[in-house]
C-alpha atoms as a PDB file:
ATOM      1  CA  MET A   1      34.629 -28.853 -18.407  1.00  0.00           C
ATOM      2  CA  ALA A   2      31.378 -30.363 -19.340  1.00  0.00           C
ATOM      3  CA  VAL A   3      30.940 -31.054 -22.958  1.00  0.00           C
ATOM      4  CA  PRO A   4      28.084 -33.070 -24.738  1.00  0.00           C
ATOM      5  CA  ALA A   5      29.041 -36.113 -26.221  1.00  0.00           C
ATOM      6  CA  ARG A   6      26.471 -35.528 -29.400  1.00  0.00           C
ATOM      7  CA  LYS A   7      25.412 -32.445 -31.069  1.00  0.00           C
ATOM      8  CA  THR A   8      21.664 -31.512 -30.048  1.00  0.00           C
ATOM      9  CA  SER A   9      19.703 -31.556 -33.082  1.00  0.00           C
ATOM     10  CA  LYS A  10      17.441 -28.453 -34.163  1.00  0.00           C
ATOM     11  CA  MET A  11      14.152 -30.209 -33.513  1.00  0.00           C
ATOM     12  CA  LYS A  12      15.220 -31.167 -30.001  1.00  0.00           C
ATOM     13  CA  LYS A  13      16.508 -27.710 -29.125  1.00  0.00           C
ATOM     14  CA  ARG A  14      13.501 -26.050 -30.652  1.00  0.00           C
ATOM     15  CA  THR A  15      10.964 -28.378 -28.868  1.00  0.00           C
ATOM     16  CA  ARG A  16      12.699 -27.699 -25.678  1.00  0.00           C
ATOM     17  CA  ARG A  17      12.135 -23.958 -26.311  1.00  0.00           C
ATOM     18  CA  THR A  18       8.524 -24.001 -27.038  1.00  0.00           C
ATOM     19  CA  HIS A  19       7.884 -22.937 -23.645  1.00  0.00           C
ATOM     20  CA  HIS A  20      10.433 -19.971 -23.518  1.00  0.00           C
ATOM     21  CA  GLN A  21       7.716 -17.523 -25.496  1.00  0.00           C
ATOM     22  CA  ILE A  22       6.472 -14.362 -24.285  1.00  0.00           C
ATOM     23  CA  LYS A  23       2.744 -14.492 -23.083  1.00  0.00           C
ATOM     24  CA  SER A  24       0.612 -11.532 -23.469  1.00  0.00           C
ATOM     25  CA  PRO A  25      -1.250 -10.183 -20.519  1.00  0.00           C
ATOM     26  CA  THR A  26      -4.876 -11.182 -19.814  1.00  0.00           C
ATOM     27  CA  ILE A  27      -6.821  -7.792 -20.306  1.00  0.00           C
ATOM     28  CA  ALA A  28     -10.526  -7.555 -19.177  1.00  0.00           C
ATOM     29  CA  TYR A  29     -13.123  -4.906 -19.204  1.00  0.00           C
ATOM     30  CA  ASP A  30     -13.879  -3.622 -15.791  1.00  0.00           C
ATOM     31  CA  LEU A  31     -17.681  -2.630 -15.356  1.00  0.00           C
ATOM     32  CA  THR A  32     -17.434  -0.508 -12.522  1.00  0.00           C
ATOM     33  CA  THR A  33     -14.863   1.864 -13.956  1.00  0.00           C
ATOM     34  CA  GLY A  34     -15.401   1.295 -17.697  1.00  0.00           C
ATOM     35  CA  VAL A  35     -11.799   0.912 -18.245  1.00  0.00           C
ATOM     36  CA  TYR A  36      -9.769  -2.029 -19.848  1.00  0.00           C
ATOM     37  CA  LYS A  37      -7.311  -3.386 -17.214  1.00  0.00           C
ATOM     38  CA  ARG A  38      -5.273  -6.434 -16.447  1.00  0.00           C
ATOM     39  CA  SER A  39      -7.043  -9.186 -14.147  1.00  0.00           C
ATOM     40  CA  HIS A  40      -5.980  -9.078 -10.368  1.00  0.00           C
ATOM     41  CA  TYR A  41      -4.449  -5.536 -10.604  1.00  0.00           C
ATOM     42  CA  ILE A  42      -6.022  -2.307  -9.323  1.00  0.00           C
ATOM     43  CA  THR A  43      -6.172   1.035 -11.401  1.00  0.00           C
ATOM     44  CA  LYS A  44      -6.050   4.604 -10.359  1.00  0.00           C
ATOM     45  CA  GLU A  45      -9.686   4.749 -11.073  1.00  0.00           C
ATOM     46  CA  GLU A  46     -10.612   2.065  -8.629  1.00  0.00           C
ATOM     47  CA  VAL A  47      -8.535   3.684  -5.972  1.00  0.00           C
ATOM     48  CA  LYS A  48     -10.472   6.797  -6.303  1.00  0.00           C
ATOM     49  CA  LEU A  49     -13.778   4.998  -6.284  1.00  0.00           C
ATOM     50  CA  ARG A  50     -12.737   2.980  -3.113  1.00  0.00           C
ATOM     51  CA  LYS A  51     -11.434   6.126  -1.359  1.00  0.00           C
ATOM     52  CA  ALA A  52     -14.830   7.833  -2.286  1.00  0.00           C
ATOM     53  CA  GLU A  53     -16.675   4.887  -0.871  1.00  0.00           C
ATOM     54  CA  VAL A  54     -14.934   5.090   2.419  1.00  0.00           C
ATOM     55  CA  ARG A  55     -15.732   8.763   3.170  1.00  0.00           C
END
């Protein structure tokens, strides 16, 4: 069984885990629909607008 030779210090452990944080999604205001939405995601309003444009 693999066992570390030395105890990992709190500082080493915390610096390794600095990238484990939860990132909030990027939200932008869409000028065409007037709704706040996530970048590169399509909303229900955009689907309705695109269907109306096709017809």
